[in-house]
Amino acid sequence: MSGLSDSFQRPVDYLRVSVTDRCNMRCVYCVPPQGVRFLPRSEVLSYEEIRTVVEVAAKMGISKVRLSGGEPLVRIGITALVRMLASVKGIDDISLTTNGLLLSQYAAGLKEAGLRRVNVSLDTLRQERFSTITGHEGLDQVLHGLKAAREAGLNPVKVNMVVMRGINDDEVGDFALRSIRDGWHVRFIELMPFTTHSAGETQFIGIPEVKQRLEFLGPLEPFRSIKGNGPARYYRFSGATGTIGFISPVSEHFCFGCNRLRLTADGRLRPCLLNDHEIDVKSALRGGDRAGLERLIREAVASKPRQHLLTQGQRPGGRAMTQIGG
C-alpha cells in the first residue's frame, strides 16, 4: 500500500462519511433559519455503496473512518453499516459523531459491531438553553447517552462544545470542571463561519479567549495520550482524570496537518470542509466503475487546498453544515 498524499505532501488517511443529511435537532450553527430541503432517498448512498467507497479508499491508504450526519443514529440500520465497515481490510479505526439523543439505545450494539469511539455534541448543561440552541428538549437523554457510551467501552467519549459569545460562553468553566470532577474529555470548538447558519460573527469567540476564561481552574498541562484522528490539542488540569481539547479552525488554523476527505450523504467528496469544491463520485459508484472511483478519489486528494481562505473573506455557503457532515 503506497498511501495517499496531496499536492502539499500531506498524508491523507482519514475519511469522514455523512450517512444522512437528516437530524433530530436544529442546532443554530448547523441548520439555517429557513431549514434545509432533505435529499430524496434515491440520492442518498446506500450502505453497500458506502462500503464500496471505503473498500476502494482503504486499498489506496485510508485507514480511519468517522461516521456523521446530519445525525447518523437516525438512519435505520446504522449498526449494520458499522459491522460492514469493520470487516473492510485496511480499516483499523471506526468512530462516530452524534448529538447523543439516541446514543443510550445504540451504544452497546455499536460497540459490539466494531465502533471504537464516539464524539458527542453538547453545547450547554442547562435545560432551557439546550432547547434554544438545539430546538429540542433532550438534555437528560444526551447525558444518559454519554453514560451508556462509557459503560459500553466507547472510550474515550469526547464532548464537543461549540463556544458562542452571548449564547453559551458563560459555561466554559462548567464544562471544564466536568473534566476534573467527572472525567469528561471536553473539546472546545470555535464557531465556523458558514454563511448558511444564523450564528454569525458577533457570536464568534476564539480559543485564546476560552483559555483565558479557564485560568481560574489552574494551569493546563499538555496531554498527548488521548486517542483521536483530528486536530484537537489536548491538555489536562492537575489531578483531573479527564482532558481539555481545543479546536481552532479560525484563530489558529491547522490546515498544514489536514489528513482527511469528506464523503457527503449524496456521494460527493469534499476535500476541505471550509471550501465549497466537491467531486461527484456517485455516477462512477452506481455505474460499477471502481477504476473511475479510484481516479476520482485521487483527484479529490490532489485538489485539497493549502488552507482555507477565511482570513481573505471567503466563506463556504453552498451547503449547511448538516448537509456536509462536519
Protein backbone atom coordinates (compact mmCIF):
# COMPACT_ATOMS: atom_id res chain seq x y z
CA MET A 1 0.00 0.00 0.00
CA SER A 2 1.58 3.25 -1.13
CA GLY A 3 -0.81 5.57 0.69
CA LEU A 4 -2.37 8.86 -0.34
CA SER A 5 -0.74 12.29 -0.19
CA ASP A 6 -1.98 15.59 -1.53
CA SER A 7 -0.01 18.07 -3.63
CA PHE A 8 1.47 19.57 -0.45
CA GLN A 9 2.81 16.16 0.71
CA ARG A 10 0.24 15.87 3.50
CA PRO A 11 -0.69 12.21 4.09
CA VAL A 12 -4.43 11.58 3.75
CA ASP A 13 -5.63 8.53 5.70
CA TYR A 14 -8.93 9.65 7.22
CA LEU A 15 -12.42 9.62 5.63
CA ARG A 16 -15.42 11.27 7.25
CA VAL A 17 -18.65 9.76 5.94
CA SER A 18 -22.01 11.51 6.23
CA VAL A 19 -24.64 8.78 6.22
CA THR A 20 -27.65 11.13 6.14
CA ASP A 21 -28.50 14.82 5.93
CA ARG A 22 -31.41 14.36 8.34
CA CYS A 23 -31.22 15.25 12.00
CA ASN A 24 -33.50 15.20 15.04
CA MET A 25 -32.16 18.59 16.18
CA ARG A 26 -31.97 22.05 14.61
CA CYS A 27 -28.78 23.50 16.13
CA VAL A 28 -28.36 27.18 15.37
CA TYR A 29 -24.90 26.82 13.82
CA CYS A 30 -25.76 23.77 11.76
CA VAL A 31 -29.21 24.35 10.25
CA PRO A 32 -30.12 27.72 8.65
CA PRO A 33 -33.24 29.53 9.96
CA GLN A 34 -35.18 28.64 6.82
CA GLY A 35 -34.32 24.96 7.23
CA VAL A 36 -32.95 22.68 4.54
CA ARG A 37 -34.54 20.52 1.88
CA PHE A 38 -33.77 16.91 2.65
CA LEU A 39 -32.31 14.72 -0.04
CA PRO A 40 -34.67 12.29 -1.74
CA ARG A 41 -33.97 8.76 -0.64
CA SER A 42 -32.76 7.83 -4.12
CA GLU A 43 -29.97 10.39 -3.89
CA VAL A 44 -28.60 9.10 -0.57
CA LEU A 45 -25.86 6.48 -0.80
CA SER A 46 -26.88 3.00 0.32
CA TYR A 47 -24.83 1.22 2.96
CA GLU A 48 -23.48 -1.06 0.26
CA GLU A 49 -22.36 1.97 -1.76
CA ILE A 50 -20.68 3.50 1.28
CA ARG A 51 -18.87 0.23 1.88
CA THR A 52 -17.66 0.21 -1.73
CA VAL A 53 -16.20 3.71 -1.39
CA VAL A 54 -14.49 2.70 1.86
CA GLU A 55 -13.15 -0.51 0.29
CA VAL A 56 -11.62 1.38 -2.63
CA ALA A 57 -10.28 4.12 -0.36
CA ALA A 58 -8.79 1.55 2.04
CA LYS A 59 -6.83 -0.05 -0.78
CA MET A 60 -5.41 3.41 -1.50
CA GLY A 61 -4.34 4.13 2.08
CA ILE A 62 -7.40 5.28 4.03
CA SER A 63 -7.35 3.53 7.41
CA LYS A 64 -9.67 5.61 9.58
CA VAL A 65 -13.39 6.28 9.13
CA ARG A 66 -15.70 8.55 11.10
CA LEU A 67 -19.47 8.39 10.59
CA SER A 68 -21.51 11.56 10.86
CA GLY A 69 -24.73 13.11 9.54
CA GLY A 70 -26.90 15.08 9.93
CA GLU A 71 -27.38 12.74 12.85
CA PRO A 72 -26.11 9.26 11.97
CA LEU A 73 -28.21 7.45 14.57
CA VAL A 74 -31.48 8.48 12.91
CA ARG A 75 -30.64 6.31 9.90
CA ILE A 76 -32.13 2.84 10.29
CA GLY A 77 -29.59 0.05 10.48
CA ILE A 78 -26.57 2.17 11.35
CA THR A 79 -25.17 -0.69 13.45
CA ALA A 80 -25.17 -2.89 10.36
CA LEU A 81 -23.10 -0.29 8.49
CA VAL A 82 -20.53 -0.22 11.29
CA ARG A 83 -20.27 -4.01 11.09
CA MET A 84 -19.85 -3.83 7.30
CA LEU A 85 -17.06 -1.27 7.54
CA ALA A 86 -15.33 -3.07 10.39
CA SER A 87 -14.82 -6.01 8.04
CA VAL A 88 -13.07 -3.92 5.37
CA LYS A 89 -9.41 -4.84 5.13
CA GLY A 90 -7.16 -1.91 5.99
CA ILE A 91 -9.68 -0.03 8.15
CA ASP A 92 -8.32 -0.06 11.69
CA ASP A 93 -10.43 2.64 13.35
CA ILE A 94 -14.14 3.48 13.11
CA SER A 95 -15.65 6.28 15.16
CA LEU A 96 -18.87 8.28 15.14
CA THR A 97 -20.07 11.80 15.91
CA THR A 98 -23.58 12.13 17.35
CA ASN A 99 -25.81 14.60 19.15
CA GLY A 100 -26.41 11.87 21.73
CA LEU A 101 -30.20 11.83 21.76
CA LEU A 102 -30.37 8.17 20.69
CA LEU A 103 -26.99 7.07 21.98
CA SER A 104 -28.22 5.21 25.05
CA GLN A 105 -30.23 2.91 22.75
CA TYR A 106 -27.37 2.20 20.35
CA ALA A 107 -24.12 2.37 22.34
CA ALA A 108 -23.77 -1.31 23.26
CA GLY A 109 -24.73 -2.52 19.78
CA LEU A 110 -22.37 -0.12 18.07
CA LYS A 111 -19.50 -1.28 20.25
CA GLU A 112 -20.26 -4.93 19.52
CA ALA A 113 -20.39 -4.16 15.78
CA GLY A 114 -16.89 -2.67 15.79
CA LEU A 115 -17.21 1.01 16.66
CA ARG A 116 -14.24 2.26 18.68
CA ARG A 117 -15.21 5.71 19.95
CA VAL A 118 -17.89 8.41 19.90
CA ASN A 119 -17.86 12.18 19.99
CA VAL A 120 -21.00 13.76 21.43
CA SER A 121 -22.01 17.30 20.51
CA LEU A 122 -23.25 19.11 23.62
CA ASP A 123 -23.22 22.90 23.84
CA THR A 124 -24.90 23.56 27.17
CA LEU A 125 -25.65 21.90 30.50
CA ARG A 126 -28.80 23.99 31.08
CA GLN A 127 -32.20 22.62 30.17
CA GLU A 128 -33.82 25.79 28.82
CA ARG A 129 -30.71 26.82 26.90
CA PHE A 130 -30.44 23.35 25.40
CA SER A 131 -33.86 23.79 23.83
CA THR A 132 -32.92 27.23 22.50
CA ILE A 133 -29.71 26.02 20.85
CA THR A 134 -30.96 22.69 19.51
CA GLY A 135 -34.69 23.21 19.02
CA HIS A 136 -35.27 20.05 21.05
CA GLU A 137 -35.86 19.10 24.67
CA GLY A 138 -33.46 16.30 25.40
CA LEU A 139 -30.57 17.27 27.64
CA ASP A 140 -31.22 14.36 30.01
CA GLN A 141 -31.26 11.94 27.05
CA VAL A 142 -27.86 13.17 25.93
CA LEU A 143 -26.41 12.82 29.43
CA HIS A 144 -27.79 9.26 29.60
CA GLY A 145 -26.20 8.62 26.22
CA LEU A 146 -22.81 9.75 27.48
CA LYS A 147 -23.09 7.38 30.42
CA ALA A 148 -24.17 4.49 28.20
CA ALA A 149 -21.28 5.08 25.79
CA ARG A 150 -18.73 4.98 28.61
CA GLU A 151 -20.28 1.84 30.04
CA ALA A 152 -20.21 0.21 26.60
CA GLY A 153 -16.49 0.91 26.30
CA LEU A 154 -16.66 3.51 23.50
CA ASN A 155 -13.78 5.35 25.09
CA PRO A 156 -12.61 8.00 25.18
CA VAL A 157 -16.08 9.55 24.92
CA LYS A 158 -15.42 13.13 23.82
CA VAL A 159 -17.83 16.00 24.43
CA ASN A 160 -17.74 18.70 21.74
CA MET A 161 -18.84 22.19 22.76
CA VAL A 162 -19.11 24.90 20.10
CA VAL A 163 -18.47 28.11 22.02
CA MET A 164 -20.73 31.05 21.07
CA ARG A 165 -20.47 34.51 22.56
CA GLY A 166 -23.59 35.60 24.36
CA ILE A 167 -25.16 32.18 23.91
CA ASN A 168 -23.17 29.63 25.91
CA ASP A 169 -19.70 31.09 26.52
CA ASP A 170 -20.52 31.59 30.20
CA GLU A 171 -20.49 27.79 30.56
CA VAL A 172 -16.92 27.04 29.50
CA GLY A 173 -15.89 26.83 33.15
CA ASP A 174 -18.74 24.44 33.93
CA PHE A 175 -17.68 22.12 31.11
CA ALA A 176 -14.03 22.29 32.14
CA LEU A 177 -14.97 21.39 35.71
CA ARG A 178 -16.54 18.19 34.36
CA SER A 179 -13.07 17.12 33.20
CA ILE A 180 -11.90 17.39 36.80
CA ARG A 181 -14.92 16.09 38.70
CA ASP A 182 -16.40 13.56 36.28
CA GLY A 183 -13.54 12.58 33.98
CA TRP A 184 -15.10 14.12 30.88
CA HIS A 185 -12.98 14.65 27.77
CA VAL A 186 -14.19 18.10 26.75
CA ARG A 187 -13.30 19.79 23.47
CA PHE A 188 -13.95 23.48 22.92
CA ILE A 189 -14.54 24.30 19.25
CA GLU A 190 -14.57 27.68 17.55
CA LEU A 191 -17.75 28.59 15.68
CA MET A 192 -17.10 28.11 11.97
CA PRO A 193 -18.39 30.94 9.75
CA PHE A 194 -20.73 29.23 7.31
CA THR A 195 -22.90 31.79 5.53
CA THR A 196 -25.87 29.44 5.75
CA HIS A 197 -26.39 29.47 9.52
CA SER A 198 -27.84 32.06 11.87
CA ALA A 199 -24.94 32.23 14.34
CA GLY A 200 -22.59 34.81 12.87
CA GLU A 201 -19.51 36.93 13.52
CA THR A 202 -20.89 38.51 16.68
CA GLN A 203 -21.11 35.05 18.27
CA PHE A 204 -17.51 34.07 17.44
CA ILE A 205 -15.12 33.62 20.35
CA GLY A 206 -11.56 32.45 19.78
CA ILE A 207 -9.78 29.68 21.62
CA PRO A 208 -7.21 32.11 23.15
CA GLU A 209 -10.07 33.82 24.98
CA VAL A 210 -11.55 30.49 26.03
CA LYS A 211 -8.20 29.55 27.55
CA GLN A 212 -8.13 32.80 29.50
CA ARG A 213 -11.55 32.01 30.94
CA LEU A 214 -10.22 28.71 32.29
CA GLU A 215 -7.27 30.19 34.17
CA PHE A 216 -9.23 30.21 37.46
CA LEU A 217 -9.02 26.41 37.46
CA GLY A 218 -5.23 26.43 37.43
CA PRO A 219 -2.60 25.74 34.77
CA LEU A 220 -3.26 23.37 31.88
CA GLU A 221 -0.68 20.67 31.30
CA PRO A 222 -0.13 19.32 27.74
CA PHE A 223 -1.54 15.81 27.37
CA ARG A 224 -0.75 13.57 24.40
CA SER A 225 -2.15 10.16 25.31
CA ILE A 226 -5.76 10.57 24.17
CA LYS A 227 -6.86 8.64 21.08
CA GLY A 228 -8.03 10.63 18.07
CA ASN A 229 -7.51 11.43 14.41
CA GLY A 230 -8.45 15.09 14.43
CA PRO A 231 -6.82 18.47 15.02
CA ALA A 232 -7.52 18.97 18.72
CA ARG A 233 -4.69 19.92 21.06
CA TYR A 234 -5.16 18.26 24.43
CA TYR A 235 -4.43 19.40 27.96
CA ARG A 236 -5.30 18.37 31.47
CA PHE A 237 -5.73 20.16 34.77
CA SER A 238 -3.63 18.86 37.64
CA GLY A 239 -5.37 15.90 39.26
CA ALA A 240 -8.03 15.60 36.56
CA THR A 241 -8.91 12.23 35.04
CA GLY A 242 -10.47 13.90 32.00
CA THR A 243 -8.91 16.20 29.43
CA ILE A 244 -9.48 19.53 27.71
CA GLY A 245 -9.13 19.81 23.94
CA PHE A 246 -9.07 22.94 21.79
CA ILE A 247 -10.04 23.08 18.11
CA SER A 248 -9.30 26.43 16.47
CA PRO A 249 -10.15 26.36 12.75
CA VAL A 250 -10.35 30.16 12.59
CA SER A 251 -7.95 31.77 15.08
CA GLU A 252 -5.14 29.26 14.58
CA HIS A 253 -5.94 27.03 11.63
CA PHE A 254 -4.49 23.53 11.40
CA CYS A 255 -4.67 23.13 7.62
CA PHE A 256 -0.96 22.25 7.46
CA GLY A 257 -1.78 18.94 9.13
CA CYS A 258 -5.11 18.14 7.46
CA ASN A 259 -5.34 14.41 6.79
CA ARG A 260 -8.94 13.96 5.66
CA LEU A 261 -11.57 13.80 2.97
CA ARG A 262 -15.32 14.04 3.49
CA LEU A 263 -17.96 11.97 1.72
CA THR A 264 -21.40 13.58 1.73
CA ALA A 265 -24.60 11.57 2.01
CA ASP A 266 -25.32 12.17 -1.69
CA GLY A 267 -21.96 10.86 -2.85
CA ARG A 268 -19.69 13.86 -3.18
CA LEU A 269 -16.11 14.04 -1.96
CA ARG A 270 -15.32 17.33 -0.26
CA PRO A 271 -11.56 17.92 0.07
CA CYS A 272 -11.94 20.84 2.52
CA LEU A 273 -14.77 21.50 4.95
CA LEU A 274 -14.41 25.27 4.55
CA ASN A 275 -14.33 25.26 0.75
CA ASP A 276 -17.37 24.52 -1.43
CA HIS A 277 -15.43 22.47 -4.01
CA GLU A 278 -16.80 18.92 -4.29
CA ILE A 279 -16.29 15.95 -6.62
CA ASP A 280 -19.26 13.75 -7.51
CA VAL A 281 -18.41 10.04 -7.20
CA LYS A 282 -21.95 8.70 -7.28
CA SER A 283 -22.10 8.17 -11.04
CA ALA A 284 -18.93 6.07 -11.06
CA LEU A 285 -20.11 4.24 -7.96
CA ARG A 286 -23.53 3.37 -9.35
CA GLY A 287 -22.03 2.52 -12.71
CA GLY A 288 -19.82 -0.10 -11.10
CA ASP A 289 -16.70 1.75 -12.23
CA ARG A 290 -14.20 1.05 -9.43
CA ALA A 291 -11.30 2.29 -11.53
CA GLY A 292 -13.18 5.54 -12.09
CA LEU A 293 -13.96 5.77 -8.39
CA GLU A 294 -10.29 5.36 -7.53
CA ARG A 295 -9.40 8.05 -10.06
CA LEU A 296 -11.93 10.47 -8.51
CA ILE A 297 -10.61 9.80 -5.01
CA ARG A 298 -7.11 10.66 -6.23
CA GLU A 299 -8.48 13.78 -7.89
CA ALA A 300 -10.14 14.84 -4.64
CA VAL A 301 -6.93 14.33 -2.67
CA ALA A 302 -4.92 16.25 -5.27
CA SER A 303 -7.37 19.15 -5.13
CA LYS A 304 -7.07 19.72 -1.38
CA PRO A 305 -6.17 23.40 -0.98
CA ARG A 306 -3.17 24.52 1.05
CA GLN A 307 -5.55 26.12 3.56
CA HIS A 308 -8.95 27.71 3.85
CA LEU A 309 -9.36 31.36 2.92
CA LEU A 310 -11.46 32.66 5.81
CA THR A 311 -8.98 35.44 6.56
CA GLN A 312 -9.45 36.64 2.97
CA GLY A 313 -13.19 36.78 3.49
CA GLN A 314 -14.05 33.62 1.55
CA ARG A 315 -16.63 31.54 3.38
CA PRO A 316 -18.39 28.34 2.43
CA GLY A 317 -22.04 28.93 1.62
CA GLY A 318 -23.11 26.24 -0.79
CA ARG A 319 -24.38 23.87 1.87
CA ALA A 320 -25.35 23.99 5.51
CA MET A 321 -23.21 22.04 7.97
CA THR A 322 -25.92 19.39 8.39
CA GLN A 323 -25.63 18.65 4.67
CA ILE A 324 -21.85 18.14 4.79
CA GLY A 325 -21.23 16.14 7.94
CA GLY A 326 -18.87 18.44 9.83
